[in-house]
Protein backbone atom coordinates (compact mmCIF):
# COMPACT_ATOMS: atom_id res chain seq x y z
CA MET A 1 13.51 -5.80 12.97
CA SER A 2 9.77 -6.39 13.12
CA PRO A 3 8.60 -2.82 13.63
CA PHE A 4 10.47 -1.58 10.61
CA ILE A 5 9.17 -4.43 8.45
CA GLU A 6 5.61 -3.62 9.51
CA ALA A 7 6.21 0.10 8.74
CA GLN A 8 7.18 -0.91 5.18
CA LYS A 9 3.72 -2.50 4.73
CA ILE A 10 5.06 -4.82 2.05
CA ARG A 11 7.26 -7.75 3.01
CA VAL A 12 9.71 -9.46 0.60
CA GLY A 13 10.25 -13.18 0.90
CA THR A 14 10.35 -16.41 -1.07
CA LEU A 15 8.44 -19.59 -1.79
CA VAL A 16 9.16 -22.92 -0.03
CA ARG A 17 7.85 -26.13 -1.59
CA CYS A 18 6.44 -28.53 0.92
CA ASN A 19 6.59 -31.57 -1.34
CA ASP A 20 10.40 -31.54 -1.27
CA PRO A 21 12.29 -34.18 0.76
CA MET A 22 13.85 -31.41 3.01
CA PRO A 23 11.23 -30.38 5.57
CA ALA A 24 10.04 -26.84 5.24
CA ASP A 25 11.26 -25.76 8.67
CA ARG A 26 14.80 -27.02 7.92
CA TYR A 27 14.90 -25.22 4.54
CA ILE A 28 13.58 -21.96 6.17
CA ALA A 29 16.14 -22.16 8.95
CA GLN A 30 18.99 -22.33 6.44
CA ILE A 31 17.92 -19.42 4.18
CA MET A 32 16.23 -17.06 6.67
CA PRO A 33 19.61 -15.46 7.64
CA HIS A 34 19.80 -14.03 4.11
CA GLY A 35 17.11 -11.53 5.07
CA PHE A 36 13.85 -13.06 3.86
CA GLU A 37 10.95 -11.41 5.66
CA CYS A 38 8.23 -13.97 4.79
CA PHE A 39 7.85 -17.42 3.34
CA GLY A 40 5.05 -18.74 1.15
CA LEU A 41 4.63 -22.49 1.68
CA PHE A 42 3.16 -24.43 -1.21
CA PHE A 43 2.26 -27.89 -2.48
CA TRP A 44 2.37 -29.16 -6.08
CA ALA A 45 -0.68 -31.31 -7.00
CA THR A 46 -0.80 -33.23 -3.70
CA CYS A 47 -0.52 -32.85 0.09
CA GLU A 48 -0.42 -36.60 0.53
CA GLY A 49 1.75 -37.62 3.44
CA PHE A 50 2.39 -34.13 4.72
CA ASP A 51 2.79 -33.92 8.52
CA TRP A 52 0.48 -31.00 9.30
CA ASP A 53 0.90 -31.26 13.04
CA GLY A 54 4.61 -31.69 13.06
CA GLN A 55 5.36 -29.02 10.46
CA ALA A 56 2.96 -26.45 11.90
CA GLU A 57 4.83 -26.77 15.27
CA ALA A 58 8.32 -26.93 13.73
CA VAL A 59 7.86 -23.94 11.35
CA THR A 60 6.26 -21.86 14.22
CA ARG A 61 9.21 -22.69 16.40
CA THR A 62 11.72 -21.76 13.69
CA LEU A 63 10.12 -18.39 13.12
CA GLU A 64 9.51 -17.58 16.73
CA GLY A 65 11.03 -14.24 17.78
CA THR A 66 12.39 -13.44 14.35
CA GLY A 67 9.78 -11.12 12.98
CA THR A 68 9.57 -13.30 9.89
CA VAL A 69 6.14 -14.86 9.02
CA ILE A 70 4.45 -17.42 6.81
CA SER A 71 2.73 -15.25 4.20
CA SER A 72 0.63 -17.87 2.43
CA LEU A 73 -0.16 -21.53 2.07
CA GLY A 74 -0.55 -22.64 -1.53
CA PHE A 75 -1.97 -25.66 -3.36
CA TYR A 76 -1.25 -25.83 -7.10
CA GLY A 77 -3.26 -28.50 -8.89
CA ASN A 78 -6.52 -28.92 -10.80
CA PRO A 79 -9.36 -29.67 -8.29
CA VAL A 80 -11.96 -29.12 -11.01
CA ALA A 81 -10.69 -31.95 -13.20
CA ASP A 82 -9.59 -34.16 -10.29
CA PRO A 83 -12.11 -34.11 -7.47
CA SER A 84 -9.66 -35.99 -5.19
CA GLN A 85 -7.68 -32.75 -4.97
CA ILE A 86 -10.57 -30.87 -3.29
CA ALA A 87 -9.60 -32.49 0.01
CA TYR A 88 -6.06 -30.97 -0.35
CA VAL A 89 -7.47 -27.52 -0.84
CA GLN A 90 -9.78 -28.10 2.21
CA ALA A 91 -6.66 -29.18 4.26
CA CYS A 92 -4.85 -26.03 3.31
CA ILE A 93 -7.84 -23.85 4.26
CA ASP A 94 -8.25 -25.67 7.60
CA ASN A 95 -4.53 -25.43 8.46
CA ALA A 96 -3.71 -21.95 7.24
CA ARG A 97 -4.13 -20.27 10.65
CA ARG A 98 -1.96 -22.83 12.33
CA PHE A 99 0.86 -21.51 10.19
CA GLY A 100 0.01 -17.86 11.07
CA THR A 101 -1.45 -16.96 7.72
CA ASP A 102 -4.97 -16.10 6.40
CA LEU A 103 -4.09 -16.54 2.70
CA ILE A 104 -4.36 -19.56 0.33
CA THR A 105 -2.90 -19.23 -3.15
CA GLY A 106 -3.14 -21.57 -6.15
CA PHE A 107 -4.71 -22.35 -9.50
CA THR A 108 -8.52 -22.46 -10.19
CA GLY A 109 -8.19 -25.60 -12.17
CA ARG A 110 -10.41 -26.03 -15.24
CA PRO A 111 -12.16 -28.76 -17.25
CA VAL A 112 -9.38 -30.04 -19.51
CA ASP A 113 -9.40 -28.48 -23.00
CA VAL A 114 -12.79 -26.79 -22.50
CA PRO A 115 -12.96 -23.03 -23.33
CA ILE A 116 -12.81 -20.96 -20.23
CA ASP A 117 -16.32 -19.41 -20.64
CA LYS A 118 -17.84 -22.85 -21.15
CA GLY A 119 -15.98 -24.27 -18.18
CA MET A 120 -16.77 -21.44 -15.78
CA PRO A 121 -19.98 -23.05 -14.36
CA GLU A 122 -18.03 -26.13 -13.32
CA ILE A 123 -15.20 -23.99 -11.89
CA ALA A 124 -17.78 -22.06 -9.91
CA ARG A 125 -19.46 -25.29 -8.67
CA VAL A 126 -16.19 -26.57 -7.26
CA TRP A 127 -15.00 -23.34 -5.66
CA LYS A 128 -18.23 -21.95 -4.09
CA PRO A 129 -18.11 -24.31 -1.10
CA LEU A 130 -14.32 -23.90 -0.81
CA LEU A 131 -14.60 -20.15 -0.79
CA GLN A 132 -17.37 -20.30 1.78
CA ARG A 133 -15.34 -22.69 3.92
CA ALA A 134 -12.45 -20.23 3.77
CA ALA A 135 -14.71 -17.28 4.56
CA ASP A 136 -16.08 -19.01 7.61
CA GLN A 137 -12.54 -19.31 8.92
CA GLY A 138 -11.47 -15.79 8.02
CA VAL A 139 -9.21 -17.11 5.22
CA ARG A 140 -8.73 -15.47 1.79
CA ILE A 141 -8.00 -17.32 -1.50
CA ALA A 142 -5.95 -15.81 -4.29
CA PHE A 143 -5.65 -17.34 -7.74
CA GLU A 144 -2.34 -17.11 -9.61
CA ASN A 145 -2.25 -15.88 -13.19
CA CYS A 146 -0.11 -18.61 -14.78
CA GLN A 147 -1.27 -20.04 -18.13
CA MET A 148 0.40 -23.43 -17.55
CA GLY A 149 0.67 -23.80 -21.28
CA GLY A 150 -3.02 -23.18 -21.81
CA ASP A 151 -5.06 -20.43 -23.57
CA TRP A 152 -8.70 -19.53 -23.77
CA ASN A 153 -9.86 -22.54 -25.67
CA ARG A 154 -7.68 -25.28 -24.46
CA GLY A 155 -5.63 -26.16 -21.37
CA ASP A 156 -5.28 -27.76 -17.94
CA TRP A 157 -4.54 -26.50 -14.44
CA ASN A 158 -5.73 -22.87 -14.49
CA ALA A 159 -8.35 -20.57 -15.91
CA ALA A 160 -7.38 -17.35 -14.04
CA HIS A 161 -4.66 -16.20 -16.37
CA SER A 162 -6.18 -13.20 -18.33
CA PRO A 163 -8.39 -10.19 -17.60
CA ASP A 164 -11.23 -11.65 -19.57
CA ALA A 165 -11.14 -14.76 -17.46
CA TRP A 166 -10.92 -12.70 -14.29
CA GLU A 167 -14.08 -10.83 -15.25
CA LEU A 168 -15.94 -14.11 -15.62
CA LEU A 169 -14.46 -15.53 -12.48
CA PHE A 170 -15.46 -12.61 -10.25
CA GLU A 171 -18.88 -12.52 -11.76
CA ALA A 172 -19.40 -16.22 -11.14
CA LEU A 173 -17.90 -16.16 -7.65
CA PRO A 174 -18.72 -12.83 -6.00
CA TYR A 175 -16.84 -13.51 -2.75
CA GLU A 176 -15.09 -10.75 -0.87
CA ASN A 177 -12.37 -13.30 0.21
CA MET A 178 -11.43 -14.15 -3.35
CA GLY A 179 -8.67 -12.25 -5.20
CA LEU A 180 -5.59 -12.62 -7.35
CA CYS A 181 -2.01 -13.74 -6.73
CA TRP A 182 -0.50 -11.56 -9.40
CA GLU A 183 2.92 -11.52 -11.05
CA PRO A 184 4.20 -9.66 -14.13
CA CYS A 185 5.91 -12.68 -15.66
CA HIS A 186 2.81 -14.52 -16.95
CA GLN A 187 1.30 -11.37 -18.37
CA MET A 188 4.53 -10.66 -20.28
CA VAL A 189 4.37 -14.17 -21.71
CA ALA A 190 1.01 -13.13 -23.16
CA LEU A 191 2.51 -9.80 -24.34
CA ILE A 192 0.39 -7.81 -21.97
CA ASP A 193 1.84 -4.66 -20.44
CA PRO A 194 1.90 -5.75 -16.79
CA LEU A 195 2.08 -2.28 -15.29
CA GLU A 196 -1.01 -0.98 -17.06
CA GLU A 197 -2.80 -4.18 -16.07
CA LEU A 198 -1.84 -3.84 -12.42
CA LYS A 199 -3.10 -0.28 -12.24
CA GLU A 200 -6.59 -1.52 -13.19
CA TRP A 201 -6.65 -4.75 -11.20
CA VAL A 202 -4.57 -3.83 -8.10
CA PRO A 203 -7.80 -3.67 -5.84
CA ARG A 204 -8.18 -7.37 -6.51
CA VAL A 205 -4.58 -8.29 -5.77
CA PHE A 206 -4.09 -10.13 -2.46
CA SER A 207 -0.47 -11.18 -3.01
CA VAL A 208 2.34 -10.83 -5.59
CA HIS A 209 4.69 -13.48 -6.81
CA GLY A 210 8.24 -12.13 -7.42
CA LYS A 211 8.89 -13.48 -10.88
CA ASP A 212 9.85 -11.50 -13.98
CA ALA A 213 10.40 -12.19 -17.72
CA THR A 214 12.76 -11.17 -20.50
CA ILE A 215 11.04 -10.69 -23.90
CA HIS A 216 13.17 -10.93 -26.99
CA TRP A 217 11.39 -8.45 -29.28
CA ASP A 218 13.95 -9.00 -32.06
CA ILE A 219 12.82 -12.71 -32.33
CA ILE A 220 9.07 -11.65 -32.24
CA ARG A 221 9.59 -8.99 -34.97
CA LYS A 222 11.52 -11.43 -37.26
CA TYR A 223 9.92 -14.80 -36.51
CA GLY A 224 6.70 -14.20 -34.62
CA ILE A 225 5.55 -16.28 -31.61
CA TYR A 226 4.43 -19.52 -33.24
CA GLY A 227 7.74 -20.82 -34.42
CA PRO A 228 10.29 -23.04 -32.63
CA ARG A 229 12.35 -20.07 -31.27
CA GLN A 230 11.74 -19.11 -27.62
CA PHE A 231 10.73 -15.48 -27.47
CA VAL A 232 10.31 -15.03 -23.70
CA TYR A 233 12.09 -16.40 -20.68
CA HIS A 234 10.94 -16.44 -17.06
CA ARG A 235 13.39 -14.54 -14.86
CA THR A 236 14.13 -13.86 -11.22
CA PRO A 237 13.41 -10.18 -10.30
CA GLY A 238 16.46 -8.00 -10.95
CA PHE A 239 17.34 -9.94 -14.13
CA GLY A 240 14.18 -9.35 -16.19
CA ASP A 241 12.53 -6.46 -18.06
CA SER A 242 10.14 -5.21 -15.33
CA ASN A 243 10.73 -2.03 -13.35
CA TRP A 244 9.86 -3.26 -9.87
CA THR A 245 10.15 0.22 -8.46
CA ASP A 246 7.20 1.12 -10.60
CA ILE A 247 5.31 -2.02 -9.68
CA ILE A 248 5.81 -1.44 -5.95
CA SER A 249 4.84 2.20 -6.34
CA VAL A 250 1.48 1.18 -7.95
CA LEU A 251 1.00 -1.26 -5.01
CA ARG A 252 1.78 1.41 -2.45
CA ALA A 253 -0.36 4.07 -4.12
CA SER A 254 -3.32 1.70 -4.01
CA GLY A 255 -2.89 0.98 -0.31
CA PHE A 256 -1.73 -2.57 -0.84
CA GLU A 257 -0.38 -4.21 2.29
CA GLY A 258 0.89 -7.70 1.76
CA ASN A 259 3.83 -9.73 0.49
CA ILE A 260 6.07 -10.22 -2.54
CA GLU A 261 7.13 -13.88 -2.60
CA ILE A 262 10.00 -14.64 -4.88
CA GLU A 263 9.26 -17.54 -7.14
CA GLY A 264 12.60 -19.13 -8.03
CA TRP A 265 13.52 -22.22 -9.98
CA HIS A 266 12.71 -20.74 -13.41
CA ASP A 267 15.62 -18.50 -14.33
CA PRO A 268 17.64 -20.00 -17.27
CA VAL A 269 20.86 -18.44 -15.92
CA TYR A 270 20.59 -18.20 -12.13
CA ARG A 271 19.70 -21.86 -11.56
CA ASP A 272 21.17 -25.01 -10.18
CA GLU A 273 24.16 -24.01 -8.02
CA LEU A 274 23.32 -20.37 -8.72
CA GLU A 275 19.66 -20.65 -7.54
CA MET A 276 20.08 -19.09 -4.09
CA THR A 277 22.52 -16.53 -5.47
CA GLY A 278 19.74 -15.35 -7.82
CA GLN A 279 17.09 -15.40 -5.11
CA VAL A 280 19.18 -13.38 -2.61
CA HIS A 281 19.97 -10.89 -5.41
CA ALA A 282 16.22 -10.63 -6.10
CA LEU A 283 15.60 -10.13 -2.37
CA ASN A 284 18.01 -7.32 -2.04
CA TYR A 285 16.84 -5.81 -5.40
CA LEU A 286 13.20 -5.82 -4.37
CA LYS A 287 13.97 -4.29 -0.95
CA GLN A 288 15.76 -1.49 -2.80
CA CYS A 289 12.78 -1.06 -5.19
CA ARG A 290 10.66 -0.85 -2.07
CA GLY A 291 12.60 2.23 -1.05
CA GLY A 292 15.56 0.71 0.73
CA ASP A 293 15.88 0.65 4.51
CA PHE A 294 13.01 2.17 6.43
CA VAL A 295 13.84 5.59 7.83
CA ALA A 296 11.52 6.98 10.53
CA ASN A 297 10.30 10.55 10.16
CA PRO A 298 11.40 13.11 12.75
CA SER A 299 8.98 13.45 15.70
């Protein structure tokens, strides 16, 4: 299996939350037979109590000989507003290679309810030593583009959610090992055309989250976006508005070699007992958008 995955250049997998009661290696062992080619491990707001030694060994043992890999290690919090979280980011950086990955994903964090441009110096102050620490170990850091309910002027968690913010971020932190963890969903929430955006920013994309959205334009046209009616829903790929064949074509044309990690647990329909049904559908859909099964050329 492995040589064919490598020939595809883009793996398709899913995210695994390390804060859950079920250990990551046990979760991976149960769902890997569905055909996931990679797994992105992530933490939400804390790594407290995580057994780095035990899980690095157990996950490595679970994946051994399968051709499946750990594609990223993620920490999603706000280390800018909560300095205690800096140690968690450092732990992810220091342990990434033990899980076989060179990629850390997450949010930038931001000073709470401070406009992004005004908060950028503080964001840069926190992340400069972290990016250097990562660079010294051959590790890359990719910031996800989720708004987390914020906008330019107010918010918590993340500043890296719009092209204007990315311009400021890359100017303030000119590190080669810093990039984007991009997905179309969050841009669609902002009514941005994700495909046109990707064409411009794809050189900065280190990783892709497999999450989509459905926009109800009829509600927008009649009621706008500031009323009580929900006008956009996060969706699992294959159920949303995006053409992932086009997205993957843009990635391939740019020379992108990396991973698409399905981000589940958000779809309003394929959830609860249908969660893994939706994720496996997304897995097979994205593989088809990737071109289907690899076929070697005559030689």
